[in-house]
Amino acid sequence: MKIKKLVIRSRKPDQRGPCTPEMAALLTCWATSSVDSSSCAQTVQALTECMRKAPKSSRHTNTINYHLARLGKFL
């Protein structure tokens, strides 16, 4: 039996970042008032602090599809 193409779809982790609530609050504030409004300054400051303190995430690339394609020639 020959399999022409092997592909495994990886499970995608939750894509939400650590500052999602602050971003949602800022967008809500901008929707209710204008973007240049000074009433959203506290929300902007909260988002800025969250982004500054958020850990940098390193993406681990999954190489299983590469190896499956390479080894698929021998099946």
PDB file of N, CA and C in Angstrom:
ATOM      1  N   MET A   1       0.845  -1.177   0.000  1.00  0.00           N
ATOM      2  CA  MET A   1       0.000   0.000   0.000  1.00  0.00           C
ATOM      3  C   MET A   1       0.886   1.233   0.000  1.00  0.00           C
ATOM      4  N   LYS A   2       0.610   2.163  -0.888  1.00  0.00           N
ATOM      5  CA  LYS A   2       1.370   3.394  -0.960  1.00  0.00           C
ATOM      6  C   LYS A   2       0.487   4.573  -0.577  1.00  0.00           C
ATOM      7  N   ILE A   3       1.022   5.405   0.271  1.00  0.00           N
ATOM      8  CA  ILE A   3       0.332   6.622   0.665  1.00  0.00           C
ATOM      9  C   ILE A   3       1.041   7.779  -0.022  1.00  0.00           C
ATOM     10  N   LYS A   4       0.290   8.575  -0.780  1.00  0.00           N
ATOM     11  CA  LYS A   4       0.924   9.636  -1.556  1.00  0.00           C
ATOM     12  C   LYS A   4       1.373  10.806  -0.704  1.00  0.00           C
ATOM     13  N   LYS A   5       0.593  11.199   0.265  1.00  0.00           N
ATOM     14  CA  LYS A   5       0.957  12.369   1.044  1.00  0.00           C
ATOM     15  C   LYS A   5       0.513  12.176   2.488  1.00  0.00           C
ATOM     16  N   LEU A   6       1.424  12.359   3.400  1.00  0.00           N
ATOM     17  CA  LEU A   6       1.118  12.259   4.821  1.00  0.00           C
ATOM     18  C   LEU A   6       1.206  13.635   5.446  1.00  0.00           C
ATOM     19  N   VAL A   7       0.154  14.042   6.113  1.00  0.00           N
ATOM     20  CA  VAL A   7       0.139  15.334   6.778  1.00  0.00           C
ATOM     21  C   VAL A   7      -0.584  15.171   8.105  1.00  0.00           C
ATOM     22  N   ILE A   8       0.006  15.708   9.131  1.00  0.00           N
ATOM     23  CA  ILE A   8      -0.632  15.713  10.447  1.00  0.00           C
ATOM     24  C   ILE A   8      -0.891  17.157  10.814  1.00  0.00           C
ATOM     25  N   ARG A   9      -2.089  17.460  11.158  1.00  0.00           N
ATOM     26  CA  ARG A   9      -2.419  18.815  11.590  1.00  0.00           C
ATOM     27  C   ARG A   9      -2.171  18.911  13.087  1.00  0.00           C
ATOM     28  N   SER A  10      -1.396  19.889  13.446  1.00  0.00           N
ATOM     29  CA  SER A  10      -1.073  20.043  14.858  1.00  0.00           C
ATOM     30  C   SER A  10      -2.236  20.707  15.588  1.00  0.00           C
ATOM     31  N   ARG A  11      -2.337  20.416  16.849  1.00  0.00           N
ATOM     32  CA  ARG A  11      -3.346  21.075  17.669  1.00  0.00           C
ATOM     33  C   ARG A  11      -2.895  22.492  17.918  1.00  0.00           C
ATOM     34  N   LYS A  12      -3.781  23.413  17.679  1.00  0.00           N
ATOM     35  CA  LYS A  12      -3.416  24.812  17.865  1.00  0.00           C
ATOM     36  C   LYS A  12      -3.764  25.222  19.291  1.00  0.00           C
ATOM     37  N   PRO A  13      -2.792  25.747  19.994  1.00  0.00           N
ATOM     38  CA  PRO A  13      -3.076  26.198  21.362  1.00  0.00           C
ATOM     39  C   PRO A  13      -3.937  27.456  21.332  1.00  0.00           C
ATOM     40  N   ASP A  14      -4.402  27.826  22.470  1.00  0.00           N
ATOM     41  CA  ASP A  14      -5.218  29.019  22.585  1.00  0.00           C
ATOM     42  C   ASP A  14      -4.423  30.216  22.084  1.00  0.00           C
ATOM     43  N   GLN A  15      -4.949  30.926  21.111  1.00  0.00           N
ATOM     44  CA  GLN A  15      -4.224  32.011  20.467  1.00  0.00           C
ATOM     45  C   GLN A  15      -4.333  33.339  21.216  1.00  0.00           C
ATOM     46  N   ARG A  16      -5.129  33.374  22.272  1.00  0.00           N
ATOM     47  CA  ARG A  16      -5.275  34.628  23.000  1.00  0.00           C
ATOM     48  C   ARG A  16      -4.019  34.945  23.791  1.00  0.00           C
ATOM     49  N   GLY A  17      -3.635  36.174  23.770  1.00  0.00           N
ATOM     50  CA  GLY A  17      -2.451  36.621  24.482  1.00  0.00           C
ATOM     51  C   GLY A  17      -2.790  37.015  25.910  1.00  0.00           C
ATOM     52  N   PRO A  18      -1.780  37.352  26.677  1.00  0.00           N
ATOM     53  CA  PRO A  18      -2.019  37.719  28.071  1.00  0.00           C
ATOM     54  C   PRO A  18      -2.687  39.076  28.227  1.00  0.00           C
ATOM     55  N   CYS A  19      -2.675  39.905  27.213  1.00  0.00           N
ATOM     56  CA  CYS A  19      -3.237  41.253  27.330  1.00  0.00           C
ATOM     57  C   CYS A  19      -4.558  41.416  26.579  1.00  0.00           C
ATOM     58  N   THR A  20      -5.244  40.338  26.325  1.00  0.00           N
ATOM     59  CA  THR A  20      -6.507  40.398  25.588  1.00  0.00           C
ATOM     60  C   THR A  20      -7.580  41.219  26.316  1.00  0.00           C
ATOM     61  N   PRO A  21      -7.756  41.072  27.634  1.00  0.00           N
ATOM     62  CA  PRO A  21      -8.787  41.899  28.289  1.00  0.00           C
ATOM     63  C   PRO A  21      -8.495  43.399  28.205  1.00  0.00           C
ATOM     64  N   GLU A  22      -7.238  43.768  28.329  1.00  0.00           N
ATOM     65  CA  GLU A  22      -6.881  45.182  28.231  1.00  0.00           C
ATOM     66  C   GLU A  22      -7.127  45.725  26.825  1.00  0.00           C
ATOM     67  N   MET A  23      -6.823  44.902  25.822  1.00  0.00           N
ATOM     68  CA  MET A  23      -7.057  45.316  24.434  1.00  0.00           C
ATOM     69  C   MET A  23      -8.549  45.455  24.158  1.00  0.00           C
ATOM     70  N   ALA A  24      -9.337  44.530  24.681  1.00  0.00           N
ATOM     71  CA  ALA A  24     -10.788  44.615  24.492  1.00  0.00           C
ATOM     72  C   ALA A  24     -11.349  45.859  25.179  1.00  0.00           C
ATOM     73  N   ALA A  25     -10.830  46.162  26.360  1.00  0.00           N
ATOM     74  CA  ALA A  25     -11.291  47.358  27.064  1.00  0.00           C
ATOM     75  C   ALA A  25     -10.931  48.628  26.296  1.00  0.00           C
ATOM     76  N   LEU A  26      -9.746  48.647  25.701  1.00  0.00           N
ATOM     77  CA  LEU A  26      -9.332  49.816  24.927  1.00  0.00           C
ATOM     78  C   LEU A  26     -10.187  49.978  23.679  1.00  0.00           C
ATOM     79  N   LEU A  27     -10.460  48.877  22.982  1.00  0.00           N
ATOM     80  CA  LEU A  27     -11.296  48.968  21.782  1.00  0.00           C
ATOM     81  C   LEU A  27     -12.721  49.394  22.129  1.00  0.00           C
ATOM     82  N   THR A  28     -13.222  48.932  23.255  1.00  0.00           N
ATOM     83  CA  THR A  28     -14.554  49.348  23.702  1.00  0.00           C
ATOM     84  C   THR A  28     -14.569  50.835  24.024  1.00  0.00           C
ATOM     85  N   CYS A  29     -13.523  51.295  24.695  1.00  0.00           N
ATOM     86  CA  CYS A  29     -13.434  52.717  25.026  1.00  0.00           C
ATOM     87  C   CYS A  29     -13.368  53.558  23.756  1.00  0.00           C
ATOM     88  N   TRP A  30     -12.586  53.113  22.791  1.00  0.00           N
ATOM     89  CA  TRP A  30     -12.497  53.846  21.538  1.00  0.00           C
ATOM     90  C   TRP A  30     -13.812  53.809  20.772  1.00  0.00           C
ATOM     91  N   ALA A  31     -14.579  52.720  20.900  1.00  0.00           N
ATOM     92  CA  ALA A  31     -15.859  52.625  20.194  1.00  0.00           C
ATOM     93  C   ALA A  31     -16.895  53.570  20.797  1.00  0.00           C
ATOM     94  N   THR A  32     -16.837  53.758  22.117  1.00  0.00           N
ATOM     95  CA  THR A  32     -17.824  54.624  22.761  1.00  0.00           C
ATOM     96  C   THR A  32     -17.457  56.097  22.655  1.00  0.00           C
ATOM     97  N   SER A  33     -16.171  56.385  22.596  1.00  0.00           N
ATOM     98  CA  SER A  33     -15.729  57.768  22.411  1.00  0.00           C
ATOM     99  C   SER A  33     -14.776  57.794  21.225  1.00  0.00           C
ATOM    100  N   SER A  34     -14.273  58.940  20.912  1.00  0.00           N
ATOM    101  CA  SER A  34     -13.377  59.011  19.755  1.00  0.00           C
ATOM    102  C   SER A  34     -12.009  58.427  20.109  1.00  0.00           C
ATOM    103  N   VAL A  35     -11.253  58.108  19.089  1.00  0.00           N
ATOM    104  CA  VAL A  35      -9.945  57.485  19.278  1.00  0.00           C
ATOM    105  C   VAL A  35      -8.981  58.453  19.954  1.00  0.00           C
ATOM    106  N   ASP A  36      -9.107  59.721  19.671  1.00  0.00           N
ATOM    107  CA  ASP A  36      -8.199  60.719  20.233  1.00  0.00           C
ATOM    108  C   ASP A  36      -8.673  61.246  21.584  1.00  0.00           C
ATOM    109  N   SER A  37      -9.682  60.623  22.152  1.00  0.00           N
ATOM    110  CA  SER A  37     -10.248  61.101  23.414  1.00  0.00           C
ATOM    111  C   SER A  37      -9.285  60.867  24.571  1.00  0.00           C
ATOM    112  N   SER A  38      -9.241  61.824  25.493  1.00  0.00           N
ATOM    113  CA  SER A  38      -8.361  61.689  26.658  1.00  0.00           C
ATOM    114  C   SER A  38      -8.998  60.822  27.747  1.00  0.00           C
ATOM    115  N   SER A  39     -10.255  60.462  27.580  1.00  0.00           N
ATOM    116  CA  SER A  39     -10.913  59.623  28.578  1.00  0.00           C
ATOM    117  C   SER A  39     -10.419  58.179  28.543  1.00  0.00           C
ATOM    118  N   CYS A  40      -9.759  57.787  27.461  1.00  0.00           N
ATOM    119  CA  CYS A  40      -9.230  56.431  27.336  1.00  0.00           C
ATOM    120  C   CYS A  40      -7.762  56.340  27.744  1.00  0.00           C
ATOM    121  N   ALA A  41      -7.216  57.388  28.309  1.00  0.00           N
ATOM    122  CA  ALA A  41      -5.789  57.408  28.650  1.00  0.00           C
ATOM    123  C   ALA A  41      -5.437  56.347  29.686  1.00  0.00           C
ATOM    124  N   GLN A  42      -6.313  56.136  30.643  1.00  0.00           N
ATOM    125  CA  GLN A  42      -6.042  55.125  31.666  1.00  0.00           C
ATOM    126  C   GLN A  42      -6.049  53.719  31.055  1.00  0.00           C
ATOM    127  N   THR A  43      -6.940  53.474  30.126  1.00  0.00           N
ATOM    128  CA  THR A  43      -6.999  52.182  29.456  1.00  0.00           C
ATOM    129  C   THR A  43      -5.764  51.962  28.591  1.00  0.00           C
ATOM    130  N   VAL A  44      -5.305  53.014  27.928  1.00  0.00           N
ATOM    131  CA  VAL A  44      -4.092  52.925  27.119  1.00  0.00           C
ATOM    132  C   VAL A  44      -2.902  52.616  28.016  1.00  0.00           C
ATOM    133  N   GLN A  45      -2.840  53.266  29.160  1.00  0.00           N
ATOM    134  CA  GLN A  45      -1.736  53.027  30.089  1.00  0.00           C
ATOM    135  C   GLN A  45      -1.757  51.587  30.611  1.00  0.00           C
ATOM    136  N   ALA A  46      -2.946  51.054  30.886  1.00  0.00           N
ATOM    137  CA  ALA A  46      -3.048  49.670  31.365  1.00  0.00           C
ATOM    138  C   ALA A  46      -2.572  48.689  30.297  1.00  0.00           C
ATOM    139  N   LEU A  47      -2.939  48.939  29.037  1.00  0.00           N
ATOM    140  CA  LEU A  47      -2.490  48.069  27.948  1.00  0.00           C
ATOM    141  C   LEU A  47      -0.980  48.172  27.749  1.00  0.00           C
ATOM    142  N   THR A  48      -0.450  49.374  27.848  1.00  0.00           N
ATOM    143  CA  THR A  48       0.993  49.570  27.690  1.00  0.00           C
ATOM    144  C   THR A  48       1.763  48.822  28.772  1.00  0.00           C
ATOM    145  N   GLU A  49       1.309  48.903  30.010  1.00  0.00           N
ATOM    146  CA  GLU A  49       1.976  48.197  31.114  1.00  0.00           C
ATOM    147  C   GLU A  49       1.882  46.688  30.937  1.00  0.00           C
ATOM    148  N   CYS A  50       0.739  46.210  30.490  1.00  0.00           N
ATOM    149  CA  CYS A  50       0.574  44.773  30.281  1.00  0.00           C
ATOM    150  C   CYS A  50       1.505  44.286  29.180  1.00  0.00           C
ATOM    151  N   MET A  51       1.589  45.036  28.088  1.00  0.00           N
ATOM    152  CA  MET A  51       2.466  44.644  26.986  1.00  0.00           C
ATOM    153  C   MET A  51       3.936  44.684  27.408  1.00  0.00           C
ATOM    154  N   ARG A  52       4.277  45.612  28.265  1.00  0.00           N
ATOM    155  CA  ARG A  52       5.648  45.714  28.737  1.00  0.00           C
ATOM    156  C   ARG A  52       6.014  44.537  29.636  1.00  0.00           C
ATOM    157  N   LYS A  53       5.063  44.084  30.457  1.00  0.00           N
ATOM    158  CA  LYS A  53       5.320  43.005  31.411  1.00  0.00           C
ATOM    159  C   LYS A  53       5.067  41.612  30.834  1.00  0.00           C
ATOM    160  N   ALA A  54       4.441  41.542  29.674  1.00  0.00           N
ATOM    161  CA  ALA A  54       4.097  40.241  29.090  1.00  0.00           C
ATOM    162  C   ALA A  54       5.364  39.478  28.713  1.00  0.00           C
ATOM    163  N   PRO A  55       5.398  38.187  29.013  1.00  0.00           N
ATOM    164  CA  PRO A  55       6.589  37.402  28.658  1.00  0.00           C
ATOM    165  C   PRO A  55       6.677  37.198  27.151  1.00  0.00           C
ATOM    166  N   LYS A  56       7.874  37.198  26.666  1.00  0.00           N
ATOM    167  CA  LYS A  56       8.088  36.932  25.247  1.00  0.00           C
ATOM    168  C   LYS A  56       7.927  35.442  25.015  1.00  0.00           C
ATOM    169  N   SER A  57       7.128  35.087  24.043  1.00  0.00           N
ATOM    170  CA  SER A  57       6.896  33.670  23.778  1.00  0.00           C
ATOM    171  C   SER A  57       7.753  33.221  22.608  1.00  0.00           C
ATOM    172  N   SER A  58       8.348  32.085  22.766  1.00  0.00           N
ATOM    173  CA  SER A  58       9.116  31.522  21.661  1.00  0.00           C
ATOM    174  C   SER A  58       8.279  30.423  21.022  1.00  0.00           C
ATOM    175  N   ARG A  59       8.228  30.444  19.737  1.00  0.00           N
ATOM    176  CA  ARG A  59       7.421  29.460  19.018  1.00  0.00           C
ATOM    177  C   ARG A  59       8.257  28.229  18.745  1.00  0.00           C
ATOM    178  N   HIS A  60       7.728  27.102  19.139  1.00  0.00           N
ATOM    179  CA  HIS A  60       8.375  25.842  18.852  1.00  0.00           C
ATOM    180  C   HIS A  60       7.776  25.315  17.561  1.00  0.00           C
ATOM    181  N   THR A  61       8.603  25.140  16.561  1.00  0.00           N
ATOM    182  CA  THR A  61       8.093  24.643  15.290  1.00  0.00           C
ATOM    183  C   THR A  61       8.073  23.121  15.312  1.00  0.00           C
ATOM    184  N   ASN A  62       6.969  22.581  14.882  1.00  0.00           N
ATOM    185  CA  ASN A  62       6.811  21.141  14.830  1.00  0.00           C
ATOM    186  C   ASN A  62       7.328  20.651  13.481  1.00  0.00           C
ATOM    187  N   THR A  63       8.212  19.683  13.508  1.00  0.00           N
ATOM    188  CA  THR A  63       8.843  19.214  12.273  1.00  0.00           C
ATOM    189  C   THR A  63       8.286  17.881  11.800  1.00  0.00           C
ATOM    190  N   ILE A  64       7.159  17.445  12.349  1.00  0.00           N
ATOM    191  CA  ILE A  64       6.662  16.121  11.993  1.00  0.00           C
ATOM    192  C   ILE A  64       6.238  16.051  10.529  1.00  0.00           C
ATOM    193  N   ASN A  65       5.654  17.117   9.990  1.00  0.00           N
ATOM    194  CA  ASN A  65       5.249  17.090   8.580  1.00  0.00           C
ATOM    195  C   ASN A  65       6.467  17.009   7.663  1.00  0.00           C
ATOM    196  N   TYR A  66       7.552  17.661   8.035  1.00  0.00           N
ATOM    197  CA  TYR A  66       8.777  17.570   7.252  1.00  0.00           C
ATOM    198  C   TYR A  66       9.293  16.135   7.237  1.00  0.00           C
ATOM    199  N   HIS A  67       9.323  15.514   8.409  1.00  0.00           N
ATOM    200  CA  HIS A  67       9.832  14.151   8.489  1.00  0.00           C
ATOM    201  C   HIS A  67       8.910  13.144   7.805  1.00  0.00           C
ATOM    202  N   LEU A  68       7.612  13.358   7.896  1.00  0.00           N
ATOM    203  CA  LEU A  68       6.680  12.484   7.203  1.00  0.00           C
ATOM    204  C   LEU A  68       6.839  12.588   5.688  1.00  0.00           C
ATOM    205  N   ALA A  69       7.027  13.782   5.188  1.00  0.00           N
ATOM    206  CA  ALA A  69       7.218  13.946   3.745  1.00  0.00           C
ATOM    207  C   ALA A  69       8.537  13.296   3.301  1.00  0.00           C
ATOM    208  N   ARG A  70       9.544  13.431   4.132  1.00  0.00           N
ATOM    209  CA  ARG A  70      10.838  12.856   3.777  1.00  0.00           C
ATOM    210  C   ARG A  70      10.801  11.330   3.816  1.00  0.00           C
ATOM    211  N   LEU A  71      10.142  10.783   4.830  1.00  0.00           N
ATOM    212  CA  LEU A  71      10.085   9.334   4.968  1.00  0.00           C
ATOM    213  C   LEU A  71       8.980   8.702   4.120  1.00  0.00           C
ATOM    214  N   GLY A  72       8.054   9.514   3.615  1.00  0.00           N
ATOM    215  CA  GLY A  72       6.964   9.001   2.790  1.00  0.00           C
ATOM    216  C   GLY A  72       7.441   8.397   1.489  1.00  0.00           C
ATOM    217  N   LYS A  73       8.641   8.737   1.074  1.00  0.00           N
ATOM    218  CA  LYS A  73       9.188   8.172  -0.158  1.00  0.00           C
ATOM    219  C   LYS A  73       9.474   6.688  -0.012  1.00  0.00           C
ATOM    220  N   PHE A  74       9.708   6.237   1.210  1.00  0.00           N
ATOM    221  CA  PHE A  74      10.082   4.859   1.446  1.00  0.00           C
ATOM    222  C   PHE A  74       8.893   3.952   1.739  1.00  0.00           C
ATOM    223  N   LEU A  75       7.693   4.519   1.851  1.00  0.00           N
ATOM    224  CA  LEU A  75       6.505   3.694   2.133  1.00  0.00           C
ATOM    225  C   LEU A  75       5.954   3.068   0.890  1.00  0.00           C
TER     226      LEU A  75
END
